[in-house]
């Protein structure tokens, strides 16, 4: 069975073909055609089974059939529990809808309202939003949902677990009664079934696989290492274990580039993706990784959103993520579609607090261990007396040869002011460096 059997428009099929996908996953086989026909759908599928395309493709197909009556009112609404998932859905809309003239945008908290209000004023066809921020816009009357024809609840079980269920009910109550609704969830509790019963009409049920936690199929390992030995440990791990397809996460763009170059010098075929790479470069890297041309793909968190590659045997957190939720997003790239997977995380002394947050978020205790057979290279010790003897005194403390006077003359207050200015500038520079590191993710 191929995508051509679902009744999708030619322009949607072009978008699918551009990604290189030819065989639909089980959830796509069960959900797409009924959704194309306009039926409400309940989908049960784990992350990594092609769930996003199962609702994005029919949504784009139906939107593409007709021109919007009002160019400024959104026609489709996708609710997600997190902004990371909102970005992932938005990426899928852009990829699969590249041959359409539809407009889409994301709305989530943690950022200013201004750009989002401007986006809504310009007009969009598809809005991907988190419940809390969407309610804010509704209360401010900066969004008009009277034209919504389709509603998708993605990862409804997570929205319930995060306390969004009342927000979701309030949003649904404000939507037109005549609409198509799709609800996707990894598990179905009594609460989710009650929600579905209240918002869907005679839904088609598309259920695949076992309803268990996605991370149950992933073996998680945590290895303690000095920061200076992380690259050596990575080389050792790659040589010691049979890793067919490895996704490595680095924290910054510069770090990803640097690591990829070192792996290439070791003879390991490596591709890299981050936000500085053009779209053709990213697609080429992903295609090479998917085909096995590259054994390793190094990525940053932002660039990795929307990666949909089956058969990744290992995920290695070379740099521990800054957010516990990102940890789950990272390791969820392996152990997909019923396959087993391995996730390895390098932990330095500075990473202990982040590791505790990950433990609390996942509900699983992390066992720190040394990697078998690996000994961190010894850092050469420097004799402190040699350092002192060969360190040149800073210029501002040296005496002038001509008159023997110090560089800074005058009273102590003036000297203190001079040093104070320098200290203030240093603090400003440190803040800038920290911000830049965050932007480079």
Protein backbone atom coordinates (compact mmCIF):
# COMPACT_ATOMS: atom_id res chain seq x y z
CA UNK A 1 0.00 0.00 0.00
CA UNK A 2 1.35 3.41 -0.98
CA UNK A 3 0.32 7.00 -0.30
CA UNK A 4 -1.42 7.18 -3.68
CA UNK A 5 -4.23 4.91 -2.41
CA UNK A 6 -5.50 7.38 0.22
CA UNK A 7 -7.13 9.90 -2.11
CA UNK A 8 -4.60 12.65 -1.38
CA UNK A 9 -4.25 15.48 -3.90
CA UNK A 10 -1.36 15.55 -6.36
CA UNK A 11 0.27 18.51 -4.60
CA UNK A 12 0.22 16.68 -1.26
CA UNK A 13 1.71 13.59 -2.90
CA UNK A 14 4.46 15.79 -4.34
CA UNK A 15 5.28 16.94 -0.81
CA UNK A 16 5.42 13.34 0.42
CA UNK A 17 7.63 12.27 -2.48
CA UNK A 18 10.02 15.15 -1.79
CA UNK A 19 10.70 13.69 1.67
CA UNK A 20 11.59 10.30 0.21
CA UNK A 21 8.80 8.39 1.98
CA UNK A 22 7.14 5.70 -0.12
CA UNK A 23 5.58 3.25 2.35
CA UNK A 24 3.05 4.52 4.92
CA UNK A 25 3.38 3.38 8.53
CA UNK A 26 0.59 1.35 10.20
CA UNK A 27 -1.01 4.39 11.86
CA UNK A 28 -0.95 6.25 8.54
CA UNK A 29 -2.58 3.30 6.77
CA UNK A 30 -5.39 3.26 9.32
CA UNK A 31 -5.98 7.00 9.82
CA UNK A 32 -5.30 8.94 6.61
CA UNK A 33 -8.07 7.74 4.30
CA UNK A 34 -10.96 8.15 6.80
CA UNK A 35 -9.62 11.61 7.66
CA UNK A 36 -9.39 12.53 3.97
CA UNK A 37 -13.07 11.57 3.70
CA UNK A 38 -13.91 13.99 6.51
CA UNK A 39 -14.52 11.56 9.38
CA UNK A 40 -13.53 12.23 12.97
CA UNK A 41 -10.58 10.04 13.97
CA UNK A 42 -9.20 8.64 17.24
CA UNK A 43 -5.61 7.49 16.78
CA UNK A 44 -3.57 5.43 19.22
CA UNK A 45 0.13 5.45 18.39
CA UNK A 46 3.48 5.99 20.04
CA UNK A 47 5.88 8.81 19.20
CA UNK A 48 8.03 7.82 16.26
CA UNK A 49 5.41 5.84 14.33
CA UNK A 50 4.55 8.51 11.77
CA UNK A 51 1.66 9.88 13.81
CA UNK A 52 2.23 13.52 12.81
CA UNK A 53 1.89 12.80 9.10
CA UNK A 54 -1.24 10.74 9.84
CA UNK A 55 -3.14 13.95 10.64
CA UNK A 56 -1.09 16.61 8.80
CA UNK A 57 -1.53 15.01 5.35
CA UNK A 58 -5.35 14.79 5.41
CA UNK A 59 -5.58 18.21 7.07
CA UNK A 60 -3.54 19.83 4.29
CA UNK A 61 -5.47 17.92 1.64
CA UNK A 62 -8.84 19.19 2.86
CA UNK A 63 -7.59 22.76 3.30
CA UNK A 64 -6.18 22.72 -0.22
CA UNK A 65 -9.53 21.81 -1.75
CA UNK A 66 -11.08 25.22 -1.08
CA UNK A 67 -9.95 28.83 -0.85
CA UNK A 68 -10.45 30.50 2.51
CA UNK A 69 -13.59 32.66 2.75
CA UNK A 70 -11.75 35.02 5.10
CA UNK A 71 -7.99 35.23 4.57
CA UNK A 72 -7.36 36.35 8.16
CA UNK A 73 -9.24 33.61 10.03
CA UNK A 74 -7.48 30.27 10.68
CA UNK A 75 -9.24 27.20 9.31
CA UNK A 76 -7.36 24.47 11.14
CA UNK A 77 -6.20 24.30 14.77
CA UNK A 78 -3.68 21.82 16.18
CA UNK A 79 -3.30 21.72 19.98
CA UNK A 80 -0.06 20.32 21.40
CA UNK A 81 1.13 20.00 25.01
CA UNK A 82 4.52 21.67 24.44
CA UNK A 83 6.11 24.26 22.21
CA UNK A 84 8.69 21.68 21.08
CA UNK A 85 5.91 19.52 19.70
CA UNK A 86 4.27 22.60 18.18
CA UNK A 87 7.50 23.29 16.27
CA UNK A 88 7.64 19.67 15.12
CA UNK A 89 4.08 19.81 13.76
CA UNK A 90 4.79 23.18 12.13
CA UNK A 91 7.85 21.72 10.40
CA UNK A 92 5.72 18.84 9.09
CA UNK A 93 3.10 21.28 7.76
CA UNK A 94 5.82 23.20 5.90
CA UNK A 95 7.47 20.08 4.51
CA UNK A 96 4.35 18.26 3.32
CA UNK A 97 2.61 21.45 2.23
CA UNK A 98 5.52 22.97 0.31
CA UNK A 99 3.58 22.83 -2.98
CA UNK A 100 0.52 24.54 -1.49
CA UNK A 101 -0.04 28.24 -0.81
CA UNK A 102 -1.25 27.69 2.75
CA UNK A 103 0.10 29.75 5.64
CA UNK A 104 0.81 28.41 9.11
CA UNK A 105 2.15 29.63 12.44
CA UNK A 106 2.81 28.62 16.04
CA UNK A 107 1.48 30.08 19.28
CA UNK A 108 3.00 29.13 22.63
CA UNK A 109 4.00 30.63 25.95
CA UNK A 110 7.38 31.76 27.22
CA UNK A 111 7.77 34.39 24.49
CA UNK A 112 6.26 37.81 23.83
CA UNK A 113 2.71 38.18 22.55
CA UNK A 114 3.60 40.90 20.01
CA UNK A 115 4.99 38.77 17.16
CA UNK A 116 2.14 36.29 17.58
CA UNK A 117 -0.47 39.06 17.36
CA UNK A 118 1.21 40.36 14.19
CA UNK A 119 1.14 36.84 12.74
CA UNK A 120 -2.58 36.53 13.45
CA UNK A 121 -3.32 39.94 11.93
CA UNK A 122 -1.56 38.96 8.71
CA UNK A 123 -3.67 35.84 8.57
CA UNK A 124 -2.90 32.10 8.66
CA UNK A 125 -4.68 28.94 7.55
CA UNK A 126 -3.21 26.63 10.20
CA UNK A 127 -2.48 27.49 13.83
CA UNK A 128 -0.41 25.11 15.98
CA UNK A 129 -0.75 26.15 19.62
CA UNK A 130 -0.32 25.18 23.24
CA UNK A 131 -3.59 25.46 25.21
CA UNK A 132 -2.53 28.07 27.77
CA UNK A 133 -1.23 30.66 25.32
CA UNK A 134 -4.14 30.12 22.94
CA UNK A 135 -6.54 30.88 25.80
CA UNK A 136 -4.59 34.09 26.47
CA UNK A 137 -5.19 35.20 22.88
CA UNK A 138 -8.85 34.23 23.09
CA UNK A 139 -9.31 36.31 26.24
CA UNK A 140 -7.55 39.28 24.63
CA UNK A 141 -9.65 38.79 21.49
CA UNK A 142 -6.53 38.74 19.33
CA UNK A 143 -7.63 35.54 17.58
CA UNK A 144 -10.89 34.63 15.84
CA UNK A 145 -11.67 30.91 15.81
CA UNK A 146 -15.07 31.20 14.15
CA UNK A 147 -13.68 29.83 10.87
CA UNK A 148 -12.14 26.64 12.29
CA UNK A 149 -13.06 23.63 10.14
CA UNK A 150 -10.62 21.12 11.63
CA UNK A 151 -9.34 20.49 15.15
CA UNK A 152 -6.47 18.15 16.06
CA UNK A 153 -5.51 17.21 19.62
CA UNK A 154 -1.97 15.81 19.48
CA UNK A 155 -0.64 13.75 22.42
CA UNK A 156 -3.86 14.21 24.36
CA UNK A 157 -2.62 12.01 27.20
CA UNK A 158 0.30 14.37 27.82
CA UNK A 159 -2.02 17.37 27.79
CA UNK A 160 -4.09 15.63 30.44
CA UNK A 161 -1.02 14.77 32.53
CA UNK A 162 0.21 18.38 32.34
CA UNK A 163 -3.11 19.74 33.61
CA UNK A 164 -4.41 21.20 30.33
CA UNK A 165 -7.68 19.31 30.18
CA UNK A 166 -9.84 22.24 31.38
CA UNK A 167 -8.08 24.61 28.98
CA UNK A 168 -8.78 22.18 26.14
CA UNK A 169 -12.46 21.98 27.07
CA UNK A 170 -12.71 25.79 27.15
CA UNK A 171 -11.09 26.07 23.72
CA UNK A 172 -13.29 23.37 22.18
CA UNK A 173 -16.40 25.07 23.56
CA UNK A 174 -15.51 28.22 21.58
CA UNK A 175 -15.15 26.40 18.24
CA UNK A 176 -17.84 25.91 15.60
CA UNK A 177 -19.90 22.77 16.25
CA UNK A 178 -19.60 21.74 12.59
CA UNK A 179 -15.98 20.71 12.24
CA UNK A 180 -13.78 17.67 11.78
CA UNK A 181 -11.93 16.54 14.91
CA UNK A 182 -8.95 14.21 15.26
CA UNK A 183 -7.51 13.08 18.58
CA UNK A 184 -4.20 11.24 18.95
CA UNK A 185 -2.82 9.72 22.13
CA UNK A 186 -0.27 7.09 23.13
CA UNK A 187 -2.60 5.77 25.84
CA UNK A 188 -6.32 6.01 26.56
CA UNK A 189 -7.41 6.57 30.15
CA UNK A 190 -10.97 7.07 31.38
CA UNK A 191 -10.40 10.84 31.26
CA UNK A 192 -9.22 10.74 27.64
CA UNK A 193 -12.14 8.55 26.63
CA UNK A 194 -14.53 10.96 28.37
CA UNK A 195 -12.96 13.90 26.53
CA UNK A 196 -13.18 12.07 23.20
CA UNK A 197 -16.82 11.17 23.79
CA UNK A 198 -17.67 14.83 24.27
CA UNK A 199 -15.92 16.30 21.23
CA UNK A 200 -15.91 13.61 18.51
CA UNK A 201 -18.86 12.29 16.52
CA UNK A 202 -18.94 8.66 15.42
CA UNK A 203 -15.11 8.55 15.19
CA UNK A 204 -13.08 6.09 13.19
CA UNK A 205 -10.65 4.29 15.52
CA UNK A 206 -7.07 3.75 14.36
CA UNK A 207 -5.08 1.79 16.92
CA UNK A 208 -1.59 0.39 16.44
CA UNK A 209 0.85 -1.43 18.69
CA UNK A 210 0.82 -1.80 22.44
CA UNK A 211 -0.19 1.06 24.67
CA UNK A 212 2.96 1.32 26.77
CA UNK A 213 5.45 4.02 27.65
CA UNK A 214 7.66 4.88 24.65
CA UNK A 215 10.85 4.71 26.72
CA UNK A 216 10.09 1.14 27.83
CA UNK A 217 11.84 -0.18 24.71
CA UNK A 218 14.94 1.98 25.24
CA UNK A 219 17.95 0.92 27.32
CA UNK A 220 19.28 4.03 29.07
CA UNK A 221 22.91 4.25 30.22
CA UNK A 222 24.68 7.10 32.01
CA UNK A 223 28.48 7.29 31.98
CA UNK A 224 30.48 9.63 34.21
CA UNK A 225 33.41 11.38 32.54
CA UNK A 226 35.57 14.47 32.93
CA UNK A 227 34.65 17.17 30.41
CA UNK A 228 38.12 16.94 28.88
CA UNK A 229 37.68 13.21 28.16
CA UNK A 230 34.24 13.25 26.51
CA UNK A 231 35.56 13.01 22.95
CA UNK A 232 37.94 10.18 23.85
CA UNK A 233 35.05 8.36 25.54
CA UNK A 234 32.91 8.84 22.44
CA UNK A 235 35.60 7.31 20.21
CA UNK A 236 35.91 4.39 22.64
CA UNK A 237 32.14 3.79 22.71
CA UNK A 238 31.83 3.91 18.92
CA UNK A 239 34.65 1.39 18.56
CA UNK A 240 33.49 -0.93 21.35
CA UNK A 241 29.80 -1.29 20.46
CA UNK A 242 28.06 -2.38 17.29
CA UNK A 243 26.33 0.84 16.34
CA UNK A 244 24.75 0.86 12.90
CA UNK A 245 23.05 4.26 12.95
CA UNK A 246 24.00 6.78 15.65
CA UNK A 247 22.40 10.15 16.42
CA UNK A 248 24.65 12.33 18.60
CA UNK A 249 23.37 15.47 20.30
CA UNK A 250 25.61 18.48 20.88
CA UNK A 251 24.54 21.63 22.70
CA UNK A 252 25.75 24.28 20.25
CA UNK A 253 26.25 24.71 16.51
CA UNK A 254 29.98 25.27 16.99
CA UNK A 255 30.22 22.17 19.17
CA UNK A 256 28.36 20.08 16.61
CA UNK A 257 30.67 21.20 13.78
CA UNK A 258 33.78 20.62 15.86
CA UNK A 259 32.67 17.14 16.93
CA UNK A 260 31.71 16.14 13.38
CA UNK A 261 35.15 17.16 12.08
CA UNK A 262 36.92 15.11 14.77
CA UNK A 263 34.79 12.07 13.94
CA UNK A 264 35.58 12.46 10.24
CA UNK A 265 39.30 12.63 11.04
CA UNK A 266 38.87 9.30 12.83
CA UNK A 267 37.49 7.80 9.64
CA UNK A 268 33.86 7.77 10.84
CA UNK A 269 31.47 8.92 8.12
CA UNK A 270 29.57 11.78 9.76
CA UNK A 271 26.93 14.33 8.78
CA UNK A 272 25.89 17.36 10.82
CA UNK A 273 22.72 19.47 10.99
CA UNK A 274 22.05 22.71 12.83
CA UNK A 275 20.28 26.01 12.21
CA UNK A 276 23.19 27.48 10.22
CA UNK A 277 22.84 24.74 7.60
CA UNK A 278 20.65 25.50 4.61
CA UNK A 279 17.54 23.43 3.95
CA UNK A 280 19.19 21.57 1.02
CA UNK A 281 22.19 20.78 3.25
CA UNK A 282 19.93 19.43 6.00
CA UNK A 283 17.91 17.31 3.57
CA UNK A 284 21.11 15.95 2.02
CA UNK A 285 22.52 15.06 5.46
CA UNK A 286 19.28 13.34 6.51
CA UNK A 287 19.01 11.41 3.26
CA UNK A 288 22.63 10.26 3.54
CA UNK A 289 22.04 9.21 7.15
CA UNK A 290 18.83 7.40 6.20
CA UNK A 291 20.55 5.52 3.36
CA UNK A 292 23.55 4.55 5.48
CA UNK A 293 26.05 6.77 3.66
CA UNK A 294 26.74 8.34 7.05
CA UNK A 295 27.04 6.17 10.13
CA UNK A 296 26.73 9.14 12.48
CA UNK A 297 24.54 12.25 12.48
CA UNK A 298 25.50 15.08 14.85
CA UNK A 299 22.66 17.49 15.63
CA UNK A 300 21.52 20.27 17.94
CA UNK A 301 18.11 20.09 19.62
CA UNK A 302 16.46 22.74 17.45
CA UNK A 303 17.75 21.28 14.17
CA UNK A 304 16.68 17.78 15.19
CA UNK A 305 13.00 18.73 15.43
CA UNK A 306 11.02 16.88 12.80
CA UNK A 307 13.74 14.26 12.16
CA UNK A 308 11.89 11.10 11.18
CA UNK A 309 14.43 8.36 10.51
CA UNK A 310 13.62 4.74 11.25
CA UNK A 311 16.23 2.30 12.48
CA UNK A 312 18.38 4.61 14.63
CA UNK A 313 20.15 2.07 16.85
CA UNK A 314 21.72 4.51 19.33
CA UNK A 315 21.23 8.03 20.62
CA UNK A 316 24.24 9.55 22.38
CA UNK A 317 23.85 12.67 24.50
CA UNK A 318 27.39 13.96 24.08
CA UNK A 319 26.18 17.12 25.86
CA UNK A 320 23.41 16.63 28.39
CA UNK A 321 20.30 18.66 27.43
CA UNK A 322 19.42 21.88 29.23
CA UNK A 323 15.83 20.74 29.76
CA UNK A 324 14.52 17.43 31.10
CA UNK A 325 11.80 17.29 28.47
CA UNK A 326 14.42 17.61 25.73
CA UNK A 327 15.98 14.43 27.12
CA UNK A 328 12.83 12.46 26.30
CA UNK A 329 12.61 14.05 22.86
CA UNK A 330 16.22 13.06 22.19
CA UNK A 331 16.10 9.43 23.30
CA UNK A 332 12.71 8.97 21.63
CA UNK A 333 14.54 8.99 18.28
CA UNK A 334 15.59 5.39 18.95
CA UNK A 335 13.48 2.42 20.00
CA UNK A 336 10.79 3.42 17.51
CA UNK A 337 8.14 1.45 15.66
CA UNK A 338 8.47 -1.53 17.99
CA UNK A 339 12.27 -1.79 17.74
CA UNK A 340 14.67 -1.82 20.68
CA UNK A 341 17.03 1.12 21.13
CA UNK A 342 19.91 2.35 23.25
CA UNK A 343 20.40 5.82 24.73
CA UNK A 344 23.78 6.80 26.17
CA UNK A 345 24.35 9.99 28.14
CA UNK A 346 27.73 11.44 29.11
CA UNK A 347 27.62 13.07 32.54
CA UNK A 348 30.29 15.45 33.85
CA UNK A 349 30.55 16.86 37.34
CA UNK A 350 28.70 19.99 36.20
CA UNK A 351 25.79 17.90 34.90
CA UNK A 352 24.70 16.34 38.20
CA UNK A 353 21.84 18.76 38.89
CA UNK A 354 20.47 18.36 35.36
CA UNK A 355 20.63 14.59 35.79
CA UNK A 356 18.51 14.86 38.94
CA UNK A 357 15.91 16.86 37.01
CA UNK A 358 15.83 14.18 34.33
CA UNK A 359 15.28 11.54 37.01
CA UNK A 360 12.35 13.47 38.45
CA UNK A 361 10.84 14.08 35.01
CA UNK A 362 11.09 10.47 33.81
CA UNK A 363 10.37 8.87 37.18
CA UNK A 364 13.39 6.60 36.73
CA UNK A 365 16.60 6.57 38.72
CA UNK A 366 19.77 6.99 36.66
CA UNK A 367 22.66 4.70 37.60
CA UNK A 368 25.97 6.47 37.02
CA UNK A 369 28.82 4.21 36.00
CA UNK A 370 32.21 4.23 34.33
CA UNK A 371 32.33 2.87 30.81
CA UNK A 372 33.93 -0.61 30.86
CA UNK A 373 37.51 -0.62 29.63
CA UNK A 374 37.82 3.15 29.32
CA UNK A 375 40.38 5.17 31.26
CA UNK A 376 40.31 8.92 30.88
CA UNK A 377 43.61 10.36 29.57
CA UNK A 378 45.66 12.03 32.27
CA UNK A 379 45.87 15.81 32.05
CA UNK A 380 49.53 16.90 32.28
CA UNK A 381 50.30 18.53 35.62
CA UNK A 382 52.07 21.90 35.56
CA UNK A 383 54.47 22.96 38.32
CA UNK A 384 52.90 26.07 39.93
CA UNK A 385 56.35 27.58 40.48
CA UNK A 386 57.06 27.32 36.76
CA UNK A 387 53.76 29.05 35.99
CA UNK A 388 54.61 31.93 38.31
CA UNK A 389 58.15 32.28 37.05
CA UNK A 390 57.13 32.41 33.38
CA UNK A 391 53.98 34.50 33.72
CA UNK A 392 54.55 38.07 32.67
CA UNK A 393 53.20 40.77 34.94
CA UNK A 394 50.16 42.61 33.46
CA UNK A 395 51.08 45.88 31.76
CA UNK A 396 48.96 48.05 34.05
CA UNK A 397 50.91 46.80 37.09
CA UNK A 398 54.39 47.21 35.61
CA UNK A 399 56.49 50.29 36.42
CA UNK A 400 57.33 52.72 33.67
CA UNK A 401 61.02 52.45 32.73
CA UNK A 402 61.39 56.24 32.30
CA UNK A 403 60.35 57.60 35.66
CA UNK A 404 59.61 54.61 37.87
CA UNK A 405 55.99 55.71 38.40
CA UNK A 406 53.10 53.27 38.18
CA UNK A 407 50.72 53.42 35.23
CA UNK A 408 47.80 54.43 37.45
CA UNK A 409 48.59 57.57 39.42
CA UNK A 410 46.44 59.72 41.62
CA UNK A 411 44.41 58.93 44.72
CA UNK A 412 43.00 55.55 45.64
CA UNK A 413 39.46 56.59 44.74
CA UNK A 414 40.46 57.25 41.14
CA UNK A 415 42.29 53.93 40.90
CA UNK A 416 39.27 52.14 42.34
CA UNK A 417 37.03 53.78 39.75
CA UNK A 418 39.30 52.61 36.92
CA UNK A 419 39.21 49.00 38.13
CA UNK A 420 35.46 49.24 38.71
CA UNK A 421 34.82 50.16 35.09
CA UNK A 422 36.84 47.22 33.88
CA UNK A 423 35.03 44.80 36.17
CA UNK A 424 31.64 46.04 34.98
CA UNK A 425 32.61 45.54 31.33
CA UNK A 426 33.77 41.99 32.08
CA UNK A 427 30.45 41.14 33.68
CA UNK A 428 28.64 42.47 30.63
CA UNK A 429 30.82 40.38 28.34
CA UNK A 430 30.11 37.24 30.39
CA UNK A 431 26.36 37.83 30.10
CA UNK A 432 26.65 38.26 26.33
CA UNK A 433 28.62 35.04 26.01
CA UNK A 434 25.97 33.13 27.96
CA UNK A 435 23.17 34.50 25.79
CA UNK A 436 25.07 33.64 22.63
CA UNK A 437 25.57 30.05 23.81
CA UNK A 438 21.83 29.71 24.34
CA UNK A 439 21.05 31.16 20.89
CA UNK A 440 23.41 28.67 19.29
CA UNK A 441 21.44 25.66 20.40
